[in-house]
N, C-alpha and C. Protein backbone atom coordinates (compact mmCIF):
# COMPACT_ATOMS: atom_id res chain seq x y z
N MET A 1 -30.34 195.76 -95.36
CA MET A 1 -30.12 195.12 -94.08
C MET A 1 -31.38 195.25 -93.24
N LYS A 2 -31.91 194.16 -92.77
CA LYS A 2 -33.12 194.16 -91.97
C LYS A 2 -32.75 194.27 -90.49
N LEU A 3 -33.39 195.18 -89.81
CA LEU A 3 -33.12 195.37 -88.40
C LEU A 3 -33.84 194.30 -87.59
N ALA A 4 -33.19 193.82 -86.55
CA ALA A 4 -33.76 192.75 -85.73
C ALA A 4 -34.90 193.24 -84.85
N ASN A 5 -34.91 194.51 -84.52
CA ASN A 5 -35.93 195.01 -83.59
C ASN A 5 -37.09 195.70 -84.29
N GLN A 6 -37.29 195.42 -85.56
CA GLN A 6 -38.44 196.01 -86.25
C GLN A 6 -39.73 195.40 -85.74
N MET A 7 -40.73 196.23 -85.64
CA MET A 7 -42.02 195.81 -85.11
C MET A 7 -42.98 195.52 -86.25
N LYS A 8 -43.76 194.48 -86.11
CA LYS A 8 -44.78 194.15 -87.11
C LYS A 8 -46.08 194.85 -86.73
N TRP A 9 -46.66 195.55 -87.67
CA TRP A 9 -47.93 196.22 -87.46
C TRP A 9 -49.04 195.35 -88.02
N VAL A 10 -49.97 194.97 -87.17
CA VAL A 10 -51.12 194.18 -87.62
C VAL A 10 -52.28 195.13 -87.91
N LEU A 11 -53.27 194.62 -88.58
CA LEU A 11 -54.41 195.44 -88.99
C LEU A 11 -55.09 196.12 -87.80
N GLU A 12 -55.22 195.41 -86.68
CA GLU A 12 -55.89 195.96 -85.50
C GLU A 12 -55.17 197.22 -85.01
N LYS A 13 -53.85 197.19 -84.99
CA LYS A 13 -53.09 198.35 -84.53
C LYS A 13 -53.24 199.52 -85.51
N ASN A 14 -53.24 199.22 -86.79
CA ASN A 14 -53.42 200.28 -87.79
C ASN A 14 -54.78 200.94 -87.64
N VAL A 15 -55.81 200.12 -87.48
CA VAL A 15 -57.18 200.65 -87.34
C VAL A 15 -57.29 201.52 -86.10
N MET A 16 -56.74 201.06 -84.99
CA MET A 16 -56.82 201.82 -83.75
C MET A 16 -56.00 203.11 -83.83
N LEU A 17 -54.86 203.07 -84.50
CA LEU A 17 -54.04 204.27 -84.68
C LEU A 17 -54.81 205.33 -85.45
N VAL A 18 -55.41 204.94 -86.55
CA VAL A 18 -56.17 205.90 -87.37
C VAL A 18 -57.40 206.40 -86.60
N ALA A 19 -58.07 205.50 -85.89
CA ALA A 19 -59.25 205.91 -85.10
C ALA A 19 -58.87 206.92 -84.02
N CYS A 20 -57.76 206.68 -83.34
CA CYS A 20 -57.31 207.61 -82.30
C CYS A 20 -56.88 208.95 -82.90
N MET A 21 -56.27 208.92 -84.08
CA MET A 21 -55.89 210.17 -84.74
C MET A 21 -57.13 210.98 -85.13
N VAL A 22 -58.16 210.30 -85.60
CA VAL A 22 -59.41 210.98 -85.95
C VAL A 22 -60.05 211.57 -84.70
N ASP A 23 -60.06 210.80 -83.60
CA ASP A 23 -60.60 211.31 -82.34
C ASP A 23 -59.82 212.53 -81.86
N LEU A 24 -58.50 212.45 -81.96
CA LEU A 24 -57.65 213.56 -81.55
C LEU A 24 -57.93 214.81 -82.38
N TYR A 25 -58.15 214.62 -83.66
CA TYR A 25 -58.47 215.74 -84.54
C TYR A 25 -59.84 216.33 -84.20
N ASN A 26 -60.82 215.46 -83.94
CA ASN A 26 -62.18 215.92 -83.65
C ASN A 26 -62.27 216.67 -82.33
N VAL A 27 -61.44 216.29 -81.35
CA VAL A 27 -61.42 217.01 -80.08
C VAL A 27 -60.92 218.44 -80.30
N GLY A 28 -59.93 218.59 -81.15
CA GLY A 28 -59.47 219.92 -81.53
C GLY A 28 -58.37 220.51 -80.68
N THR A 29 -57.97 219.86 -79.61
CA THR A 29 -56.95 220.40 -78.72
C THR A 29 -55.58 220.49 -79.38
N TYR A 30 -55.26 219.52 -80.22
CA TYR A 30 -53.94 219.45 -80.82
C TYR A 30 -53.94 219.84 -82.30
N ASN A 31 -54.97 220.49 -82.76
CA ASN A 31 -55.05 220.89 -84.17
C ASN A 31 -54.20 222.13 -84.44
N ALA A 32 -53.65 222.17 -85.63
CA ALA A 32 -52.93 223.35 -86.12
C ALA A 32 -53.35 223.55 -87.57
N ASN A 33 -52.91 224.62 -88.18
CA ASN A 33 -53.30 224.90 -89.57
C ASN A 33 -52.83 223.83 -90.54
N THR A 34 -51.67 223.25 -90.28
CA THR A 34 -51.09 222.29 -91.22
C THR A 34 -51.15 220.86 -90.73
N GLY A 35 -51.85 220.58 -89.66
CA GLY A 35 -51.92 219.20 -89.14
C GLY A 35 -52.12 219.22 -87.64
N PHE A 36 -51.16 218.62 -86.93
CA PHE A 36 -51.24 218.53 -85.48
C PHE A 36 -50.15 219.35 -84.83
N LYS A 37 -50.36 219.74 -83.58
CA LYS A 37 -49.34 220.46 -82.82
C LYS A 37 -48.25 219.50 -82.38
N ALA A 38 -47.20 220.05 -81.81
CA ALA A 38 -45.98 219.30 -81.52
C ALA A 38 -46.18 218.13 -80.55
N ASP A 39 -46.99 218.26 -79.55
CA ASP A 39 -47.09 217.24 -78.50
C ASP A 39 -48.14 216.18 -78.78
N TYR A 40 -48.67 216.13 -79.99
CA TYR A 40 -49.76 215.20 -80.26
C TYR A 40 -49.34 213.74 -80.17
N LEU A 41 -48.08 213.42 -80.44
CA LEU A 41 -47.64 212.02 -80.39
C LEU A 41 -47.74 211.45 -78.98
N ASN A 42 -47.42 212.26 -77.98
CA ASN A 42 -47.52 211.78 -76.60
C ASN A 42 -48.98 211.51 -76.21
N GLU A 43 -49.88 212.38 -76.63
CA GLU A 43 -51.30 212.16 -76.36
C GLU A 43 -51.80 210.94 -77.11
N LEU A 44 -51.34 210.77 -78.33
CA LEU A 44 -51.72 209.61 -79.13
C LEU A 44 -51.23 208.32 -78.47
N GLU A 45 -50.03 208.35 -77.90
CA GLU A 45 -49.50 207.21 -77.17
C GLU A 45 -50.38 206.86 -75.98
N ARG A 46 -50.82 207.88 -75.24
CA ARG A 46 -51.71 207.63 -74.08
C ARG A 46 -53.05 207.05 -74.51
N MET A 47 -53.59 207.57 -75.61
CA MET A 47 -54.88 207.07 -76.11
C MET A 47 -54.76 205.61 -76.55
N LEU A 48 -53.69 205.28 -77.24
CA LEU A 48 -53.50 203.90 -77.71
C LEU A 48 -53.24 202.94 -76.56
N GLU A 49 -52.60 203.42 -75.50
CA GLU A 49 -52.34 202.58 -74.34
C GLU A 49 -53.66 202.14 -73.68
N LYS A 50 -54.68 203.00 -73.75
CA LYS A 50 -55.98 202.66 -73.17
C LYS A 50 -56.69 201.58 -73.99
N VAL A 51 -56.61 201.66 -75.32
CA VAL A 51 -57.35 200.72 -76.17
C VAL A 51 -56.54 199.47 -76.52
N LEU A 52 -55.21 199.59 -76.52
CA LEU A 52 -54.33 198.45 -76.79
C LEU A 52 -53.28 198.37 -75.68
N PRO A 53 -53.67 197.89 -74.49
CA PRO A 53 -52.78 197.97 -73.33
C PRO A 53 -51.48 197.17 -73.45
N HIS A 54 -51.48 196.10 -74.20
CA HIS A 54 -50.28 195.26 -74.28
C HIS A 54 -49.46 195.50 -75.54
N ALA A 55 -49.80 196.50 -76.30
CA ALA A 55 -49.09 196.76 -77.55
C ALA A 55 -47.73 197.41 -77.32
N MET A 56 -47.58 198.14 -76.22
CA MET A 56 -46.32 198.80 -75.86
C MET A 56 -45.82 199.70 -76.99
N LEU A 57 -46.68 200.54 -77.52
CA LEU A 57 -46.31 201.47 -78.58
C LEU A 57 -45.79 202.77 -77.97
N LYS A 58 -44.67 203.22 -78.44
CA LYS A 58 -44.08 204.47 -77.97
C LYS A 58 -44.23 205.54 -79.05
N ALA A 59 -44.32 206.78 -78.61
CA ALA A 59 -44.49 207.89 -79.55
C ALA A 59 -43.34 207.94 -80.54
N LYS A 60 -42.15 207.85 -80.04
CA LYS A 60 -40.97 207.79 -80.90
C LYS A 60 -40.23 206.52 -80.53
N PRO A 61 -39.96 205.66 -81.41
CA PRO A 61 -40.00 205.73 -82.85
C PRO A 61 -41.24 205.08 -83.46
N ASN A 62 -42.02 204.30 -82.68
CA ASN A 62 -43.10 203.48 -83.24
C ASN A 62 -44.16 204.28 -83.96
N LEU A 63 -44.81 205.19 -83.25
CA LEU A 63 -45.93 205.93 -83.85
C LEU A 63 -45.44 206.89 -84.93
N GLU A 64 -44.36 207.57 -84.67
CA GLU A 64 -43.82 208.51 -85.65
C GLU A 64 -43.49 207.81 -86.96
N SER A 65 -42.87 206.66 -86.87
CA SER A 65 -42.49 205.90 -88.06
C SER A 65 -43.71 205.37 -88.80
N ARG A 66 -44.69 204.86 -88.06
CA ARG A 66 -45.87 204.29 -88.70
C ARG A 66 -46.70 205.36 -89.39
N ILE A 67 -46.83 206.52 -88.78
CA ILE A 67 -47.58 207.61 -89.39
C ILE A 67 -46.89 208.04 -90.68
N ARG A 68 -45.57 208.11 -90.66
CA ARG A 68 -44.82 208.46 -91.87
C ARG A 68 -45.07 207.43 -92.96
N THR A 69 -45.10 206.14 -92.60
CA THR A 69 -45.35 205.08 -93.57
C THR A 69 -46.77 205.16 -94.12
N LEU A 70 -47.75 205.42 -93.26
CA LEU A 70 -49.14 205.53 -93.71
C LEU A 70 -49.33 206.72 -94.64
N LYS A 71 -48.64 207.81 -94.39
CA LYS A 71 -48.72 208.97 -95.28
C LYS A 71 -48.18 208.63 -96.66
N ARG A 72 -47.12 207.85 -96.69
CA ARG A 72 -46.48 207.49 -97.94
C ARG A 72 -47.35 206.55 -98.77
N ASP A 73 -48.07 205.66 -98.11
CA ASP A 73 -48.94 204.70 -98.81
C ASP A 73 -50.18 205.38 -99.24
């Protein structure tokens, strides 16, 4: 069953998501031994809002779901 409110991810959004995650990692504020600390999704949402102002991406469920999908691929 396909959900009606599923969001389509275009290449530009994927590229910016990965770029912001790399920036977040390089800054080091949200780093942990096994990945990122708990509040990193909110910071990632703020960073993406600056570079993609009309994308309306939310930390949960949009970013959380997409990161899970990218890990799987």
